[in-house]
Amino acid sequence: MKPLNKNTILTNLPKNRVNLTIYKEITSTNELSKNTAFKNEFNLILAEKQTAGKGRHGKNWYSPKNGNIYMSLSTKKELNYAPLSLLVGIICAQVLTKYTNKGAVRLKWPNDIVVNNKKVGGILVEKVVSDSETTTIVGIGINFLIDPQEKWWGDLSHYNVGDSRDHIISMITSKIINLFNKENEDWIDEWLKYCMHINKEVKIIKTDDSSENAIFKSIDQDGCALLETEMGIKIFNSGEISIKGVY
């Protein structure tokens, strides 16, 4: 698989607004973003390999050097009209759908990207406050080719899209930047369109490790899950529960 190409990635991006750096190997694109000075409105950091990639709740994100996407886009601009991680999920699903079969790309609440019932990607949004300034970091990992021994993950190898990494990164980045330019009023309907477990029974695991079954009904303006339980509709945020039994 050919290496990332800086010129190709920047072709359709506003070069006066984005600073792009590509690394062969680093610990984590999100961690490096926290210590990278801003030259433009947005810092885009890419890596061919991560040695300490991470997902939600500090979990490890397996990041081998085999042509996957490991990227972080950071900015000091603010977005308050919707939860950024869910908005980015919509973007990833939209872009990857162009390269896969219709309906193949789905979203699992709150931020998993799923293809053919296996997780192929994840989104991690972090905020860092320093000297009264807030930096927002959007980390995205997408598997194009995973090692056979990691078969519980999914990848996009079936679709032969490895040589499209540059274009996929460029499109995702462009669409994220546009989120800060214009409010998306229809984002809930768009997210639900890709949701793989809408109106289906799911198992929710709470922070105290207790569990119960519920029907996933929808999400609200804050990105919280609306679940139908034996006690009626309950609202949970992503820090309170995890969803199991979906794939």
C-alpha atoms as a PDB file:
ATOM      1  CA  MET A   1       0.000   0.000   0.000  1.00  0.00           C
ATOM      2  CA  LYS A   2       1.428   3.355  -1.013  1.00  0.00           C
ATOM      3  CA  PRO A   3       2.378   5.862   1.707  1.00  0.00           C
ATOM      4  CA  LEU A   4       0.321   8.930   2.481  1.00  0.00           C
ATOM      5  CA  ASN A   5       0.835  11.818   0.061  1.00  0.00           C
ATOM      6  CA  LYS A   6       0.744  15.314   1.533  1.00  0.00           C
ATOM      7  CA  ASN A   7       0.050  17.093  -1.761  1.00  0.00           C
ATOM      8  CA  THR A   8      -2.871  14.829  -2.631  1.00  0.00           C
ATOM      9  CA  ILE A   9      -4.444  15.248   0.806  1.00  0.00           C
ATOM     10  CA  LEU A  10      -4.160  19.037   0.630  1.00  0.00           C
ATOM     11  CA  THR A  11      -5.487  19.331  -2.935  1.00  0.00           C
ATOM     12  CA  ASN A  12      -9.084  20.110  -1.924  1.00  0.00           C
ATOM     13  CA  LEU A  13      -8.397  21.564   1.514  1.00  0.00           C
ATOM     14  CA  PRO A  14      -8.088  25.281   2.367  1.00  0.00           C
ATOM     15  CA  LYS A  15      -4.284  25.416   2.645  1.00  0.00           C
ATOM     16  CA  ASN A  16      -4.388  28.804   4.386  1.00  0.00           C
ATOM     17  CA  ARG A  17      -6.449  27.233   7.183  1.00  0.00           C
ATOM     18  CA  VAL A  18      -4.877  23.784   7.621  1.00  0.00           C
ATOM     19  CA  ASN A  19      -1.402  22.780   8.737  1.00  0.00           C
ATOM     20  CA  LEU A  20      -0.652  19.153   7.852  1.00  0.00           C
ATOM     21  CA  THR A  21       2.076  16.942   9.311  1.00  0.00           C
ATOM     22  CA  ILE A  22       2.613  13.269   8.446  1.00  0.00           C
ATOM     23  CA  TYR A  23       4.656  10.932  10.665  1.00  0.00           C
ATOM     24  CA  LYS A  24       5.934   7.440   9.952  1.00  0.00           C
ATOM     25  CA  GLU A  25       5.479   6.409  13.584  1.00  0.00           C
ATOM     26  CA  ILE A  26       4.329   8.200  16.732  1.00  0.00           C
ATOM     27  CA  THR A  27       2.668   7.282  20.017  1.00  0.00           C
ATOM     28  CA  SER A  28      -0.758   8.781  19.262  1.00  0.00           C
ATOM     29  CA  THR A  29      -2.016  11.455  16.885  1.00  0.00           C
ATOM     30  CA  ASN A  30      -4.311  12.798  19.607  1.00  0.00           C
ATOM     31  CA  GLU A  31      -1.516  13.005  22.178  1.00  0.00           C
ATOM     32  CA  LEU A  32       0.815  14.770  19.741  1.00  0.00           C
ATOM     33  CA  SER A  33      -1.971  17.212  18.871  1.00  0.00           C
ATOM     34  CA  LYS A  34      -2.094  18.316  22.499  1.00  0.00           C
ATOM     35  CA  ASN A  35       1.492  19.595  22.252  1.00  0.00           C
ATOM     36  CA  THR A  36       1.532  20.992  18.715  1.00  0.00           C
ATOM     37  CA  ALA A  37       1.511  24.760  18.248  1.00  0.00           C
ATOM     38  CA  PHE A  38      -1.060  26.253  15.902  1.00  0.00           C
ATOM     39  CA  LYS A  39       0.130  27.894  12.685  1.00  0.00           C
ATOM     40  CA  ASN A  40      -3.351  27.928  11.148  1.00  0.00           C
ATOM     41  CA  GLU A  41      -6.934  27.419  12.292  1.00  0.00           C
ATOM     42  CA  PHE A  42      -6.619  23.647  12.064  1.00  0.00           C
ATOM     43  CA  ASN A  43      -3.797  21.198  12.746  1.00  0.00           C
ATOM     44  CA  LEU A  44      -4.047  17.888  10.888  1.00  0.00           C
ATOM     45  CA  ILE A  45      -1.720  15.153  12.142  1.00  0.00           C
ATOM     46  CA  LEU A  46      -1.448  11.800  10.368  1.00  0.00           C
ATOM     47  CA  ALA A  47       0.607   8.715  11.149  1.00  0.00           C
ATOM     48  CA  GLU A  48       1.413   5.518   9.310  1.00  0.00           C
ATOM     49  CA  LYS A  49       1.697   3.766  12.685  1.00  0.00           C
ATOM     50  CA  GLN A  50       0.776   4.482  16.292  1.00  0.00           C
ATOM     51  CA  THR A  51       2.425   2.791  19.253  1.00  0.00           C
ATOM     52  CA  ALA A  52      -0.076   4.007  21.849  1.00  0.00           C
ATOM     53  CA  GLY A  53      -3.332   4.698  20.052  1.00  0.00           C
ATOM     54  CA  LYS A  54      -6.395   4.899  22.270  1.00  0.00           C
ATOM     55  CA  GLY A  55     -10.156   4.819  22.159  1.00  0.00           C
ATOM     56  CA  ARG A  56     -12.958   5.590  24.606  1.00  0.00           C
ATOM     57  CA  HIS A  57     -12.290   5.242  28.352  1.00  0.00           C
ATOM     58  CA  GLY A  58      -8.543   4.981  27.696  1.00  0.00           C
ATOM     59  CA  LYS A  59      -8.795   1.649  25.871  1.00  0.00           C
ATOM     60  CA  ASN A  60      -5.998   0.739  23.458  1.00  0.00           C
ATOM     61  CA  TRP A  61      -6.545   1.188  19.725  1.00  0.00           C
ATOM     62  CA  TYR A  62      -4.540  -1.380  17.776  1.00  0.00           C
ATOM     63  CA  SER A  63      -2.476   0.649  15.287  1.00  0.00           C
ATOM     64  CA  PRO A  64      -0.141  -1.443  13.107  1.00  0.00           C
ATOM     65  CA  LYS A  65       1.838  -0.133  10.148  1.00  0.00           C
ATOM     66  CA  ASN A  66      -0.165  -1.539   7.268  1.00  0.00           C
ATOM     67  CA  GLY A  67      -1.904   1.353   5.565  1.00  0.00           C
ATOM     68  CA  ASN A  68      -4.725   2.265   7.942  1.00  0.00           C
ATOM     69  CA  ILE A  69      -5.902   5.774   8.801  1.00  0.00           C
ATOM     70  CA  TYR A  70      -4.711   7.336  12.052  1.00  0.00           C
ATOM     71  CA  MET A  71      -5.585  11.025  12.071  1.00  0.00           C
ATOM     72  CA  SER A  72      -6.305  13.906  14.423  1.00  0.00           C
ATOM     73  CA  LEU A  73      -7.708  17.290  13.493  1.00  0.00           C
ATOM     74  CA  SER A  74      -7.421  19.946  16.187  1.00  0.00           C
ATOM     75  CA  THR A  75      -8.655  23.516  16.430  1.00  0.00           C
ATOM     76  CA  LYS A  76      -9.342  26.314  18.874  1.00  0.00           C
ATOM     77  CA  LYS A  77     -12.626  27.085  17.120  1.00  0.00           C
ATOM     78  CA  GLU A  78     -15.757  26.117  19.041  1.00  0.00           C
ATOM     79  CA  LEU A  79     -18.743  24.049  17.994  1.00  0.00           C
ATOM     80  CA  ASN A  80     -21.657  24.021  20.412  1.00  0.00           C
ATOM     81  CA  TYR A  81     -24.781  23.185  18.432  1.00  0.00           C
ATOM     82  CA  ALA A  82     -24.349  19.386  18.547  1.00  0.00           C
ATOM     83  CA  PRO A  83     -22.029  16.661  19.921  1.00  0.00           C
ATOM     84  CA  LEU A  84     -18.981  16.681  17.677  1.00  0.00           C
ATOM     85  CA  SER A  85     -18.243  12.948  17.936  1.00  0.00           C
ATOM     86  CA  LEU A  86     -21.648  12.035  16.495  1.00  0.00           C
ATOM     87  CA  LEU A  87     -21.335  14.643  13.741  1.00  0.00           C
ATOM     88  CA  VAL A  88     -17.964  13.182  12.783  1.00  0.00           C
ATOM     89  CA  GLY A  89     -19.517   9.710  12.774  1.00  0.00           C
ATOM     90  CA  ILE A  90     -21.997  10.875  10.153  1.00  0.00           C
ATOM     91  CA  ILE A  91     -19.150  12.294   8.056  1.00  0.00           C
ATOM     92  CA  CYS A  92     -17.113   9.092   8.222  1.00  0.00           C
ATOM     93  CA  ALA A  93     -20.155   7.042   7.265  1.00  0.00           C
ATOM     94  CA  GLN A  94     -20.950   9.351   4.344  1.00  0.00           C
ATOM     95  CA  VAL A  95     -17.410   9.258   2.982  1.00  0.00           C
ATOM     96  CA  LEU A  96     -16.845   5.523   3.426  1.00  0.00           C
ATOM     97  CA  THR A  97     -20.208   4.759   1.814  1.00  0.00           C
ATOM     98  CA  LYS A  98     -18.790   6.208  -1.416  1.00  0.00           C
ATOM     99  CA  TYR A  99     -16.196   3.421  -1.393  1.00  0.00           C
ATOM    100  CA  THR A 100     -18.317   0.478  -0.207  1.00  0.00           C
ATOM    101  CA  ASN A 101     -21.682  -1.118  -0.907  1.00  0.00           C
ATOM    102  CA  LYS A 102     -24.800   0.903  -0.188  1.00  0.00           C
ATOM    103  CA  GLY A 103     -25.868   0.260   3.399  1.00  0.00           C
ATOM    104  CA  ALA A 104     -22.609  -1.468   4.326  1.00  0.00           C
ATOM    105  CA  VAL A 105     -21.383   1.312   6.632  1.00  0.00           C
ATOM    106  CA  ARG A 106     -23.271   1.687   9.888  1.00  0.00           C
ATOM    107  CA  LEU A 107     -22.823   3.548  13.179  1.00  0.00           C
ATOM    108  CA  LYS A 108     -22.990   2.114  16.682  1.00  0.00           C
ATOM    109  CA  TRP A 109     -23.727   4.606  19.435  1.00  0.00           C
ATOM    110  CA  PRO A 110     -21.879   6.683  20.304  1.00  0.00           C
ATOM    111  CA  ASN A 111     -18.824   6.594  18.012  1.00  0.00           C
ATOM    112  CA  ASP A 112     -18.094   3.224  16.406  1.00  0.00           C
ATOM    113  CA  ILE A 113     -17.907   2.796  12.636  1.00  0.00           C
ATOM    114  CA  VAL A 114     -19.121  -0.657  11.604  1.00  0.00           C
ATOM    115  CA  VAL A 115     -18.939  -2.500   8.281  1.00  0.00           C
ATOM    116  CA  ASN A 116     -20.453  -5.943   7.792  1.00  0.00           C
ATOM    117  CA  ASN A 117     -21.121  -6.229  11.533  1.00  0.00           C
ATOM    118  CA  LYS A 118     -17.519  -5.623  12.567  1.00  0.00           C
ATOM    119  CA  LYS A 119     -15.970  -2.473  13.977  1.00  0.00           C
ATOM    120  CA  VAL A 120     -13.651  -0.902  11.405  1.00  0.00           C
ATOM    121  CA  GLY A 121     -13.203   2.508  12.986  1.00  0.00           C
ATOM    122  CA  GLY A 122     -13.658   4.725  15.973  1.00  0.00           C
ATOM    123  CA  ILE A 123     -13.792   8.396  16.896  1.00  0.00           C
ATOM    124  CA  LEU A 124     -12.298  10.019  19.987  1.00  0.00           C
ATOM    125  CA  VAL A 125     -12.982  13.704  20.688  1.00  0.00           C
ATOM    126  CA  GLU A 126     -10.920  15.318  23.424  1.00  0.00           C
ATOM    127  CA  LYS A 127     -10.765  18.851  24.809  1.00  0.00           C
ATOM    128  CA  VAL A 128      -7.708  20.445  26.368  1.00  0.00           C
ATOM    129  CA  VAL A 129      -7.976  23.692  28.368  1.00  0.00           C
ATOM    130  CA  SER A 130      -4.867  25.843  28.756  1.00  0.00           C
ATOM    131  CA  ASP A 131      -4.644  29.538  29.678  1.00  0.00           C
ATOM    132  CA  SER A 132      -8.425  29.885  29.288  1.00  0.00           C
ATOM    133  CA  GLU A 133      -8.228  28.559  25.706  1.00  0.00           C
ATOM    134  CA  THR A 134      -9.872  25.303  24.698  1.00  0.00           C
ATOM    135  CA  THR A 135      -8.393  23.054  22.033  1.00  0.00           C
ATOM    136  CA  THR A 136     -10.721  20.485  20.502  1.00  0.00           C
ATOM    137  CA  ILE A 137      -9.098  17.358  19.075  1.00  0.00           C
ATOM    138  CA  VAL A 138     -10.935  14.947  16.776  1.00  0.00           C
ATOM    139  CA  GLY A 139      -9.157  11.596  16.550  1.00  0.00           C
ATOM    140  CA  ILE A 140     -10.206   9.051  13.926  1.00  0.00           C
ATOM    141  CA  GLY A 141      -8.939   5.532  13.326  1.00  0.00           C
ATOM    142  CA  ILE A 142     -10.097   3.445  10.337  1.00  0.00           C
ATOM    143  CA  ASN A 143      -8.885  -0.057   9.517  1.00  0.00           C
ATOM    144  CA  PHE A 144      -8.135  -0.708   5.861  1.00  0.00           C
ATOM    145  CA  LEU A 145      -6.204  -3.909   6.526  1.00  0.00           C
ATOM    146  CA  ILE A 146      -5.967  -5.630   9.876  1.00  0.00           C
ATOM    147  CA  ASP A 147      -3.680  -8.526  10.836  1.00  0.00           C
ATOM    148  CA  PRO A 148      -5.428 -11.938  10.798  1.00  0.00           C
ATOM    149  CA  GLN A 149      -4.726 -12.495  14.505  1.00  0.00           C
ATOM    150  CA  GLU A 150      -6.832  -9.406  15.245  1.00  0.00           C
ATOM    151  CA  LYS A 151      -9.881 -10.930  13.523  1.00  0.00           C
ATOM    152  CA  TRP A 152     -12.354  -9.547  16.077  1.00  0.00           C
ATOM    153  CA  TRP A 153     -11.802  -6.172  14.346  1.00  0.00           C
ATOM    154  CA  GLY A 154     -13.129  -5.510  10.856  1.00  0.00           C
ATOM    155  CA  ASP A 155     -11.425  -3.761   7.944  1.00  0.00           C
ATOM    156  CA  LEU A 156     -12.106  -2.499   4.434  1.00  0.00           C
ATOM    157  CA  SER A 157      -9.850  -4.967   2.628  1.00  0.00           C
ATOM    158  CA  HIS A 158     -12.847  -6.486   0.823  1.00  0.00           C
ATOM    159  CA  TYR A 159     -13.366  -3.182  -0.997  1.00  0.00           C
ATOM    160  CA  ASN A 160      -9.784  -2.608  -2.190  1.00  0.00           C
ATOM    161  CA  VAL A 161      -9.772   1.036  -1.125  1.00  0.00           C
ATOM    162  CA  GLY A 162      -6.240   1.170   0.301  1.00  0.00           C
ATOM    163  CA  ASP A 163      -4.963   3.457  -2.431  1.00  0.00           C
ATOM    164  CA  SER A 164      -7.792   5.915  -1.701  1.00  0.00           C
ATOM    165  CA  ARG A 165      -6.574   6.806   1.801  1.00  0.00           C
ATOM    166  CA  ASP A 166      -5.421  10.280   0.751  1.00  0.00           C
ATOM    167  CA  HIS A 167      -8.782  11.144  -0.807  1.00  0.00           C
ATOM    168  CA  ILE A 168     -10.759   9.707   2.121  1.00  0.00           C
ATOM    169  CA  ILE A 169      -8.692  11.703   4.640  1.00  0.00           C
ATOM    170  CA  SER A 170      -9.110  14.836   2.548  1.00  0.00           C
ATOM    171  CA  MET A 171     -12.886  14.450   2.291  1.00  0.00           C
ATOM    172  CA  ILE A 172     -13.323  13.705   5.984  1.00  0.00           C
ATOM    173  CA  THR A 173     -11.165  16.693   6.942  1.00  0.00           C
ATOM    174  CA  SER A 174     -12.996  19.035   4.574  1.00  0.00           C
ATOM    175  CA  LYS A 175     -16.386  18.006   5.927  1.00  0.00           C
ATOM    176  CA  ILE A 176     -15.269  18.414   9.555  1.00  0.00           C
ATOM    177  CA  ILE A 177     -14.011  21.922   8.812  1.00  0.00           C
ATOM    178  CA  ASN A 178     -17.394  22.699   7.268  1.00  0.00           C
ATOM    179  CA  LEU A 179     -19.070  21.737  10.557  1.00  0.00           C
ATOM    180  CA  PHE A 180     -17.430  24.786  12.097  1.00  0.00           C
ATOM    181  CA  ASN A 181     -18.561  26.985   9.199  1.00  0.00           C
ATOM    182  CA  LYS A 182     -22.248  26.070   9.050  1.00  0.00           C
ATOM    183  CA  GLU A 183     -24.675  24.466  11.487  1.00  0.00           C
ATOM    184  CA  ASN A 184     -26.159  21.116  10.445  1.00  0.00           C
ATOM    185  CA  GLU A 185     -29.791  21.266  11.547  1.00  0.00           C
ATOM    186  CA  ASP A 186     -30.669  17.755  10.366  1.00  0.00           C
ATOM    187  CA  TRP A 187     -27.852  15.900  12.093  1.00  0.00           C
ATOM    188  CA  ILE A 188     -30.064  13.709  14.305  1.00  0.00           C
ATOM    189  CA  ASP A 189     -32.014  12.313  11.345  1.00  0.00           C
ATOM    190  CA  GLU A 190     -28.756  11.794   9.451  1.00  0.00           C
ATOM    191  CA  TRP A 191     -27.159   9.929  12.354  1.00  0.00           C
ATOM    192  CA  LEU A 192     -30.227   7.718  12.839  1.00  0.00           C
ATOM    193  CA  LYS A 193     -30.139   6.828   9.145  1.00  0.00           C
ATOM    194  CA  TYR A 194     -26.796   5.091   9.723  1.00  0.00           C
ATOM    195  CA  CYS A 195     -27.576   3.678  13.195  1.00  0.00           C
ATOM    196  CA  MET A 196     -27.310  -0.129  13.129  1.00  0.00           C
ATOM    197  CA  HIS A 197     -29.445  -0.752  16.227  1.00  0.00           C
ATOM    198  CA  ILE A 198     -32.338   1.698  15.931  1.00  0.00           C
ATOM    199  CA  ASN A 199     -35.510   0.125  17.416  1.00  0.00           C
ATOM    200  CA  LYS A 200     -33.520  -3.009  18.274  1.00  0.00           C
ATOM    201  CA  GLU A 201     -32.857  -4.635  21.625  1.00  0.00           C
ATOM    202  CA  VAL A 202     -29.435  -3.871  23.046  1.00  0.00           C
ATOM    203  CA  LYS A 203     -27.646  -4.779  26.247  1.00  0.00           C
ATOM    204  CA  ILE A 204     -26.479  -1.796  28.255  1.00  0.00           C
ATOM    205  CA  ILE A 205     -23.545  -2.102  30.650  1.00  0.00           C
ATOM    206  CA  LYS A 206     -23.478   0.561  33.358  1.00  0.00           C
ATOM    207  CA  THR A 207     -20.428   1.973  35.079  1.00  0.00           C
ATOM    208  CA  ASP A 208     -21.092  -0.220  38.129  1.00  0.00           C
ATOM    209  CA  ASP A 209     -20.974  -3.276  35.781  1.00  0.00           C
ATOM    210  CA  SER A 210     -24.695  -3.957  36.187  1.00  0.00           C
ATOM    211  CA  SER A 211     -26.596  -4.586  32.962  1.00  0.00           C
ATOM    212  CA  GLU A 212     -30.081  -4.630  31.499  1.00  0.00           C
ATOM    213  CA  ASN A 213     -31.730  -5.037  28.130  1.00  0.00           C
ATOM    214  CA  ALA A 214     -33.457  -2.120  26.431  1.00  0.00           C
ATOM    215  CA  ILE A 215     -34.739  -0.951  23.058  1.00  0.00           C
ATOM    216  CA  PHE A 216     -32.652   1.772  21.431  1.00  0.00           C
ATOM    217  CA  LYS A 217     -35.253   4.353  20.366  1.00  0.00           C
ATOM    218  CA  SER A 218     -33.333   7.478  19.369  1.00  0.00           C
ATOM    219  CA  ILE A 219     -30.854  10.164  20.441  1.00  0.00           C
ATOM    220  CA  ASP A 220     -31.432  13.692  21.711  1.00  0.00           C
ATOM    221  CA  GLN A 221     -29.827  17.058  20.907  1.00  0.00           C
ATOM    222  CA  ASP A 222     -26.979  16.288  23.310  1.00  0.00           C
ATOM    223  CA  GLY A 223     -26.254  12.947  21.643  1.00  0.00           C
ATOM    224  CA  CYS A 224     -27.611  10.982  24.603  1.00  0.00           C
ATOM    225  CA  ALA A 225     -29.272   7.624  23.980  1.00  0.00           C
ATOM    226  CA  LEU A 226     -33.033   7.322  24.472  1.00  0.00           C
ATOM    227  CA  LEU A 227     -33.690   3.759  25.601  1.00  0.00           C
ATOM    228  CA  GLU A 228     -36.967   2.023  26.289  1.00  0.00           C
ATOM    229  CA  THR A 229     -36.602   0.008  29.477  1.00  0.00           C
ATOM    230  CA  GLU A 230     -39.016  -1.818  31.771  1.00  0.00           C
ATOM    231  CA  MET A 231     -39.306   1.466  33.665  1.00  0.00           C
ATOM    232  CA  GLY A 232     -40.091   3.494  30.537  1.00  0.00           C
ATOM    233  CA  ILE A 233     -37.873   5.742  28.409  1.00  0.00           C
ATOM    234  CA  LYS A 234     -34.515   6.526  30.024  1.00  0.00           C
ATOM    235  CA  ILE A 235     -31.816   8.914  28.859  1.00  0.00           C
ATOM    236  CA  PHE A 236     -28.148   7.927  29.095  1.00  0.00           C
ATOM    237  CA  ASN A 237     -25.000   9.761  28.093  1.00  0.00           C
ATOM    238  CA  SER A 238     -21.951   7.966  26.708  1.00  0.00           C
ATOM    239  CA  GLY A 239     -20.130   8.193  30.029  1.00  0.00           C
ATOM    240  CA  GLU A 240     -22.850   6.274  31.859  1.00  0.00           C
ATOM    241  CA  ILE A 241     -23.258   3.149  29.747  1.00  0.00           C
ATOM    242  CA  SER A 242     -21.764   1.011  26.995  1.00  0.00           C
ATOM    243  CA  ILE A 243     -23.849  -0.921  24.471  1.00  0.00           C
ATOM    244  CA  LYS A 244     -23.157  -4.603  23.883  1.00  0.00           C
ATOM    245  CA  GLY A 245     -24.709  -7.366  21.835  1.00  0.00           C
ATOM    246  CA  VAL A 246     -24.876  -5.392  18.596  1.00  0.00           C
ATOM    247  CA  TYR A 247     -22.043  -7.108  16.706  1.00  0.00           C
END
